[in-house]
PDB file of all heavy atoms in Angstrom:
ATOM      1  N   CYS A   1       0.822  -1.177  -0.039  1.00  0.00           N
ATOM      2  CA  CYS A   1      -0.021   0.055   0.005  1.00  0.00           C
ATOM      3  C   CYS A   1       0.811   1.295   0.023  1.00  0.00           C
ATOM      4  O   CYS A   1       0.559   2.223  -0.701  1.00  0.00           O
ATOM      5  CB  CYS A   1      -0.925  -0.061   1.185  1.00  0.00           C
ATOM      6  SG  CYS A   1      -2.099  -1.344   0.998  1.00  0.00           S
ATOM      7  N   TRP A   2       1.846   1.345   0.845  1.00  0.00           N
ATOM      8  CA  TRP A   2       2.652   2.506   0.932  1.00  0.00           C
ATOM      9  C   TRP A   2       3.363   2.742  -0.443  1.00  0.00           C
ATOM     10  O   TRP A   2       3.315   3.894  -0.931  1.00  0.00           O
ATOM     11  CB  TRP A   2       3.513   2.546   2.138  1.00  0.00           C
ATOM     12  CG  TRP A   2       2.851   2.773   3.481  1.00  0.00           C
ATOM     13  CD1 TRP A   2       2.594   1.805   4.384  1.00  0.00           C
ATOM     14  CD2 TRP A   2       2.288   3.959   3.976  1.00  0.00           C
ATOM     15  NE1 TRP A   2       1.878   2.382   5.437  1.00  0.00           N
ATOM     16  CE2 TRP A   2       1.671   3.683   5.051  1.00  0.00           C
ATOM     17  CE3 TRP A   2       2.261   5.405   3.429  1.00  0.00           C
ATOM     18  CZ2 TRP A   2       1.166   4.653   5.910  1.00  0.00           C
ATOM     19  CZ3 TRP A   2       1.712   6.242   4.309  1.00  0.00           C
ATOM     20  CH2 TRP A   2       1.114   5.869   5.573  1.00  0.00           C
ATOM     21  N   PRO A   3       4.183   1.829  -0.821  1.00  0.00           N
ATOM     22  CA  PRO A   3       4.811   2.066  -2.110  1.00  0.00           C
ATOM     23  C   PRO A   3       3.882   2.340  -3.323  1.00  0.00           C
ATOM     24  O   PRO A   3       4.205   3.249  -4.125  1.00  0.00           O
ATOM     25  CB  PRO A   3       5.553   0.637  -2.302  1.00  0.00           C
ATOM     26  CG  PRO A   3       5.712   0.071  -1.053  1.00  0.00           C
ATOM     27  CD  PRO A   3       4.494   0.514  -0.254  1.00  0.00           C
ATOM     28  N   GLU A   4       2.709   1.664  -3.318  1.00  0.00           N
ATOM     29  CA  GLU A   4       1.639   2.045  -4.233  1.00  0.00           C
ATOM     30  C   GLU A   4       1.192   3.627  -4.285  1.00  0.00           C
ATOM     31  O   GLU A   4       1.100   4.237  -5.255  1.00  0.00           O
ATOM     32  CB  GLU A   4       0.617   0.975  -4.214  1.00  0.00           C
ATOM     33  CG  GLU A   4      -0.440   1.159  -5.346  1.00  0.00           C
ATOM     34  CD  GLU A   4      -1.628   0.069  -5.106  1.00  0.00           C
ATOM     35  OE1 GLU A   4      -1.407  -0.869  -4.661  1.00  0.00           O
ATOM     36  OE2 GLU A   4      -2.785   0.563  -5.513  1.00  0.00           O
ATOM     37  N   SER A   5       0.985   3.915  -3.052  1.00  0.00           N
ATOM     38  CA  SER A   5       0.567   5.312  -2.805  1.00  0.00           C
ATOM     39  C   SER A   5       1.607   6.220  -3.246  1.00  0.00           C
ATOM     40  O   SER A   5       1.264   7.278  -3.804  1.00  0.00           O
ATOM     41  CB  SER A   5       0.149   5.517  -1.303  1.00  0.00           C
ATOM     42  OG  SER A   5      -0.198   6.915  -1.066  1.00  0.00           O
ATOM     43  N   ARG A   6       2.856   5.984  -2.828  1.00  0.00           N
ATOM     44  CA  ARG A   6       3.995   7.029  -3.192  1.00  0.00           C
ATOM     45  C   ARG A   6       4.160   6.975  -4.799  1.00  0.00           C
ATOM     46  O   ARG A   6       4.413   7.982  -5.323  1.00  0.00           O
ATOM     47  CB  ARG A   6       5.265   6.312  -2.628  1.00  0.00           C
ATOM     48  CG  ARG A   6       5.410   6.832  -1.124  1.00  0.00           C
ATOM     49  CD  ARG A   6       6.718   6.548  -0.598  1.00  0.00           C
ATOM     50  NE  ARG A   6       6.712   6.471   0.870  1.00  0.00           N
ATOM     51  CZ  ARG A   6       6.727   5.337   1.612  1.00  0.00           C
ATOM     52  NH1 ARG A   6       6.885   4.203   1.017  1.00  0.00           N
ATOM     53  NH2 ARG A   6       6.734   5.427   2.852  1.00  0.00           N
ATOM     54  N   ARG A   7       4.038   5.785  -5.469  1.00  0.00           N
ATOM     55  CA  ARG A   7       4.114   5.739  -6.951  1.00  0.00           C
ATOM     56  C   ARG A   7       3.085   6.612  -7.562  1.00  0.00           C
ATOM     57  O   ARG A   7       3.300   7.427  -8.478  1.00  0.00           O
ATOM     58  CB  ARG A   7       4.013   4.248  -7.444  1.00  0.00           C
ATOM     59  CG  ARG A   7       5.394   3.527  -7.460  1.00  0.00           C
ATOM     60  CD  ARG A   7       5.319   2.309  -8.231  1.00  0.00           C
ATOM     61  NE  ARG A   7       4.307   1.385  -7.799  1.00  0.00           N
ATOM     62  CZ  ARG A   7       4.366   0.511  -6.798  1.00  0.00           C
ATOM     63  NH1 ARG A   7       5.458   0.394  -6.146  1.00  0.00           N
ATOM     64  NH2 ARG A   7       3.380  -0.198  -6.479  1.00  0.00           N
ATOM     65  N   ALA A   8       1.893   6.595  -7.054  1.00  0.00           N
ATOM     66  CA  ALA A   8       0.708   7.440  -7.595  1.00  0.00           C
ATOM     67  C   ALA A   8       1.027   8.887  -7.374  1.00  0.00           C
ATOM     68  O   ALA A   8       0.820   9.676  -8.220  1.00  0.00           O
ATOM     69  CB  ALA A   8      -0.569   7.033  -6.904  1.00  0.00           C
ATOM     70  N   ARG A   9       1.492   9.239  -6.162  1.00  0.00           N
ATOM     71  CA  ARG A   9       1.909  10.561  -5.797  1.00  0.00           C
ATOM     72  C   ARG A   9       2.981  11.118  -6.821  1.00  0.00           C
ATOM     73  O   ARG A   9       3.067  12.214  -7.304  1.00  0.00           O
ATOM     74  CB  ARG A   9       2.289  10.793  -4.386  1.00  0.00           C
ATOM     75  CG  ARG A   9       2.599  12.063  -4.074  1.00  0.00           C
ATOM     76  CD  ARG A   9       3.613  12.216  -2.751  1.00  0.00           C
ATOM     77  NE  ARG A   9       4.862  11.539  -3.052  1.00  0.00           N
ATOM     78  CZ  ARG A   9       5.647  11.124  -2.156  1.00  0.00           C
ATOM     79  NH1 ARG A   9       5.313  11.294  -0.756  1.00  0.00           N
ATOM     80  NH2 ARG A   9       6.823  10.446  -2.367  1.00  0.00           N
ATOM     81  N   ASP A  10       4.104  10.285  -6.847  1.00  0.00           N
ATOM     82  CA  ASP A  10       5.181  10.675  -7.757  1.00  0.00           C
ATOM     83  C   ASP A  10       4.812  10.834  -9.254  1.00  0.00           C
ATOM     84  O   ASP A  10       5.347  11.718  -9.800  1.00  0.00           O
ATOM     85  CB  ASP A  10       6.311   9.625  -7.559  1.00  0.00           C
ATOM     86  CG  ASP A  10       6.926   9.724  -6.252  1.00  0.00           C
ATOM     87  OD1 ASP A  10       6.762  10.650  -5.462  1.00  0.00           O
ATOM     88  OD2 ASP A  10       7.640   8.641  -5.787  1.00  0.00           O
ATOM     89  N   ARG A  11       3.858  10.011  -9.680  1.00  0.00           N
ATOM     90  CA  ARG A  11       3.430  10.204 -11.038  1.00  0.00           C
ATOM     91  C   ARG A  11       2.728  11.507 -11.214  1.00  0.00           C
ATOM     92  O   ARG A  11       3.007  12.184 -12.249  1.00  0.00           O
ATOM     93  CB  ARG A  11       2.499   9.004 -11.535  1.00  0.00           C
ATOM     94  CG  ARG A  11       3.323   7.738 -11.994  1.00  0.00           C
ATOM     95  CD  ARG A  11       2.370   6.842 -12.712  1.00  0.00           C
ATOM     96  NE  ARG A  11       1.177   6.423 -11.798  1.00  0.00           N
ATOM     97  CZ  ARG A  11       1.107   5.443 -10.937  1.00  0.00           C
ATOM     98  NH1 ARG A  11       2.170   4.630 -10.756  1.00  0.00           N
ATOM     99  NH2 ARG A  11       0.057   5.235 -10.274  1.00  0.00           N
ATOM    100  N   CYS A  12       1.856  11.798 -10.225  1.00  0.00           N
ATOM    101  CA  CYS A  12       1.176  13.084 -10.255  1.00  0.00           C
ATOM    102  C   CYS A  12       2.055  14.213 -10.187  1.00  0.00           C
ATOM    103  O   CYS A  12       1.950  15.230 -10.918  1.00  0.00           O
ATOM    104  CB  CYS A  12       0.171  13.090  -9.150  1.00  0.00           C
ATOM    105  SG  CYS A  12      -0.961  14.529  -9.123  1.00  0.00           S
ATOM    106  N   TYR A  13       3.069  14.219  -9.307  1.00  0.00           N
ATOM    107  CA  TYR A  13       4.028  15.224  -9.224  1.00  0.00           C
ATOM    108  C   TYR A  13       4.802  15.412 -10.550  1.00  0.00           C
ATOM    109  O   TYR A  13       5.039  16.600 -10.941  1.00  0.00           O
ATOM    110  CB  TYR A  13       5.120  14.875  -8.104  1.00  0.00           C
ATOM    111  CG  TYR A  13       4.700  15.108  -6.700  1.00  0.00           C
ATOM    112  CD1 TYR A  13       3.574  15.561  -6.360  1.00  0.00           C
ATOM    113  CD2 TYR A  13       5.729  15.031  -5.752  1.00  0.00           C
ATOM    114  CE1 TYR A  13       3.207  15.761  -4.892  1.00  0.00           C
ATOM    115  CE2 TYR A  13       5.490  15.167  -4.345  1.00  0.00           C
ATOM    116  CZ  TYR A  13       4.143  15.569  -4.013  1.00  0.00           C
ATOM    117  OH  TYR A  13       3.914  15.904  -2.778  1.00  0.00           O
ATOM    118  N   ALA A  14       5.182  14.378 -11.214  1.00  0.00           N
ATOM    119  CA  ALA A  14       5.793  14.541 -12.443  1.00  0.00           C
ATOM    120  C   ALA A  14       4.906  15.051 -13.523  1.00  0.00           C
ATOM    121  O   ALA A  14       5.369  15.934 -14.376  1.00  0.00           O
ATOM    122  CB  ALA A  14       6.267  13.086 -13.000  1.00  0.00           C
ATOM    123  N   GLU A  15       3.660  14.854 -13.433  1.00  0.00           N
ATOM    124  CA  GLU A  15       2.718  15.558 -14.451  1.00  0.00           C
ATOM    125  C   GLU A  15       2.631  17.043 -14.134  1.00  0.00           C
ATOM    126  O   GLU A  15       2.625  17.811 -14.940  1.00  0.00           O
ATOM    127  CB  GLU A  15       1.320  14.839 -14.361  1.00  0.00           C
ATOM    128  CG  GLU A  15       1.247  13.523 -14.874  1.00  0.00           C
ATOM    129  CD  GLU A  15      -0.004  12.809 -14.658  1.00  0.00           C
ATOM    130  OE1 GLU A  15      -0.954  13.491 -14.204  1.00  0.00           O
ATOM    131  OE2 GLU A  15      -0.045  11.542 -14.930  1.00  0.00           O
ATOM    132  N   VAL A  16       2.585  17.403 -12.906  1.00  0.00           N
ATOM    133  CA  VAL A  16       2.456  18.761 -12.572  1.00  0.00           C
ATOM    134  C   VAL A  16       3.753  19.562 -12.908  1.00  0.00           C
ATOM    135  O   VAL A  16       3.777  20.625 -13.590  1.00  0.00           O
ATOM    136  CB  VAL A  16       2.374  18.956 -10.969  1.00  0.00           C
ATOM    137  CG1 VAL A  16       2.473  20.456 -10.475  1.00  0.00           C
ATOM    138  CG2 VAL A  16       0.973  18.532 -10.506  1.00  0.00           C
ATOM    139  N   ARG A  17       4.966  18.950 -12.709  1.00  0.00           N
ATOM    140  CA  ARG A  17       6.190  19.583 -13.083  1.00  0.00           C
ATOM    141  C   ARG A  17       6.182  19.651 -14.633  1.00  0.00           C
ATOM    142  O   ARG A  17       6.658  20.640 -15.204  1.00  0.00           O
ATOM    143  CB  ARG A  17       7.429  18.813 -12.638  1.00  0.00           C
ATOM    144  CG  ARG A  17       7.614  19.076 -11.185  1.00  0.00           C
ATOM    145  CD  ARG A  17       8.978  18.464 -10.728  1.00  0.00           C
ATOM    146  NE  ARG A  17       9.067  16.959 -10.867  1.00  0.00           N
ATOM    147  CZ  ARG A  17       8.700  16.104  -9.979  1.00  0.00           C
ATOM    148  NH1 ARG A  17       8.033  16.449  -8.900  1.00  0.00           N
ATOM    149  NH2 ARG A  17       8.795  14.782 -10.307  1.00  0.00           N
ATOM    150  N   ALA A  18       5.858  18.582 -15.375  1.00  0.00           N
ATOM    151  CA  ALA A  18       5.816  18.545 -16.750  1.00  0.00           C
ATOM    152  C   ALA A  18       4.930  19.648 -17.361  1.00  0.00           C
ATOM    153  O   ALA A  18       5.131  20.294 -18.455  1.00  0.00           O
ATOM    154  CB  ALA A  18       5.446  17.281 -17.331  1.00  0.00           C
ATOM    155  N   SER A  19       3.878  20.128 -16.694  1.00  0.00           N
ATOM    156  CA  SER A  19       2.923  21.132 -17.098  1.00  0.00           C
ATOM    157  C   SER A  19       3.623  22.454 -17.049  1.00  0.00           C
ATOM    158  O   SER A  19       2.984  23.391 -17.767  1.00  0.00           O
ATOM    159  CB  SER A  19       1.617  21.088 -16.317  1.00  0.00           C
ATOM    160  OG  SER A  19       1.837  21.678 -15.006  1.00  0.00           O
ATOM    161  N   HIS A  20       4.725  22.618 -16.378  1.00  0.00           N
ATOM    162  CA  HIS A  20       5.406  23.866 -16.366  1.00  0.00           C
ATOM    163  C   HIS A  20       6.746  23.910 -17.137  1.00  0.00           C
ATOM    164  O   HIS A  20       7.437  24.816 -17.093  1.00  0.00           O
ATOM    165  CB  HIS A  20       5.736  24.201 -14.880  1.00  0.00           C
ATOM    166  CG  HIS A  20       4.559  24.660 -14.142  1.00  0.00           C
ATOM    167  ND1 HIS A  20       4.191  26.097 -14.010  1.00  0.00           N
ATOM    168  CD2 HIS A  20       3.649  24.016 -13.383  1.00  0.00           C
ATOM    169  CE1 HIS A  20       3.105  26.094 -13.287  1.00  0.00           C
ATOM    170  NE2 HIS A  20       2.713  24.841 -12.899  1.00  0.00           N
ATOM    171  N   ASP A  21       6.953  22.777 -17.839  1.00  0.00           N
ATOM    172  CA  ASP A  21       8.274  22.617 -18.603  1.00  0.00           C
ATOM    173  C   ASP A  21       8.140  23.658 -19.703  1.00  0.00           C
ATOM    174  O   ASP A  21       7.193  23.807 -20.493  1.00  0.00           O
ATOM    175  CB  ASP A  21       8.269  21.158 -19.194  1.00  0.00           C
ATOM    176  CG  ASP A  21       9.489  20.950 -19.969  1.00  0.00           C
ATOM    177  OD1 ASP A  21      10.496  21.829 -19.933  1.00  0.00           O
ATOM    178  OD2 ASP A  21       9.521  19.843 -20.733  1.00  0.00           O
ATOM    179  N   ARG A  22       9.285  24.299 -20.083  1.00  0.00           N
ATOM    180  CA  ARG A  22       9.280  25.330 -21.028  1.00  0.00           C
ATOM    181  C   ARG A  22       9.171  24.757 -22.357  1.00  0.00           C
ATOM    182  O   ARG A  22       8.827  25.575 -23.300  1.00  0.00           O
ATOM    183  CB  ARG A  22      10.526  26.106 -20.882  1.00  0.00           C
ATOM    184  CG  ARG A  22      11.790  25.476 -21.350  1.00  0.00           C
ATOM    185  CD  ARG A  22      13.041  26.265 -21.121  1.00  0.00           C
ATOM    186  NE  ARG A  22      12.924  27.638 -21.413  1.00  0.00           N
ATOM    187  CZ  ARG A  22      13.655  28.527 -21.121  1.00  0.00           C
ATOM    188  NH1 ARG A  22      14.746  28.181 -20.525  1.00  0.00           N
ATOM    189  NH2 ARG A  22      13.425  29.763 -21.352  1.00  0.00           N
ATOM    190  N   HIS A  23       9.229  23.508 -22.657  1.00  0.00           N
ATOM    191  CA  HIS A  23       9.071  22.952 -23.873  1.00  0.00           C
ATOM    192  C   HIS A  23       7.724  22.187 -23.921  1.00  0.00           C
ATOM    193  O   HIS A  23       7.395  21.619 -25.069  1.00  0.00           O
ATOM    194  CB  HIS A  23      10.128  21.818 -24.157  1.00  0.00           C
ATOM    195  CG  HIS A  23      11.556  22.349 -24.125  1.00  0.00           C
ATOM    196  ND1 HIS A  23      12.006  23.237 -25.093  1.00  0.00           N
ATOM    197  CD2 HIS A  23      12.581  22.142 -23.219  1.00  0.00           C
ATOM    198  CE1 HIS A  23      13.281  23.532 -24.812  1.00  0.00           C
ATOM    199  NE2 HIS A  23      13.609  22.972 -23.646  1.00  0.00           N
ATOM    200  N   ASN A  24       6.880  22.392 -23.002  1.00  0.00           N
ATOM    201  CA  ASN A  24       5.518  21.781 -23.104  1.00  0.00           C
ATOM    202  C   ASN A  24       4.738  22.743 -24.095  1.00  0.00           C
ATOM    203  O   ASN A  24       4.786  24.092 -24.031  1.00  0.00           O
ATOM    204  CB  ASN A  24       4.936  22.014 -21.626  1.00  0.00           C
ATOM    205  CG  ASN A  24       3.474  21.464 -21.563  1.00  0.00           C
ATOM    206  OD1 ASN A  24       2.725  21.708 -22.454  1.00  0.00           O
ATOM    207  ND2 ASN A  24       3.237  20.870 -20.465  1.00  0.00           N
ATOM    208  N   PRO A  25       3.912  22.299 -24.895  1.00  0.00           N
ATOM    209  CA  PRO A  25       3.123  23.043 -25.954  1.00  0.00           C
ATOM    210  C   PRO A  25       2.270  24.014 -25.228  1.00  0.00           C
ATOM    211  O   PRO A  25       2.158  25.172 -25.780  1.00  0.00           O
ATOM    212  CB  PRO A  25       2.491  22.028 -26.817  1.00  0.00           C
ATOM    213  CG  PRO A  25       3.239  20.712 -26.575  1.00  0.00           C
ATOM    214  CD  PRO A  25       3.804  20.772 -25.266  1.00  0.00           C
TER     215      PRO A  25
END
């Protein structure tokens, strides 16, 4: 459960950071 929860959080964090990437359309 804990690793699964962390993976879900980390994927979401990556999506948020990607939304601010200067190369993002």
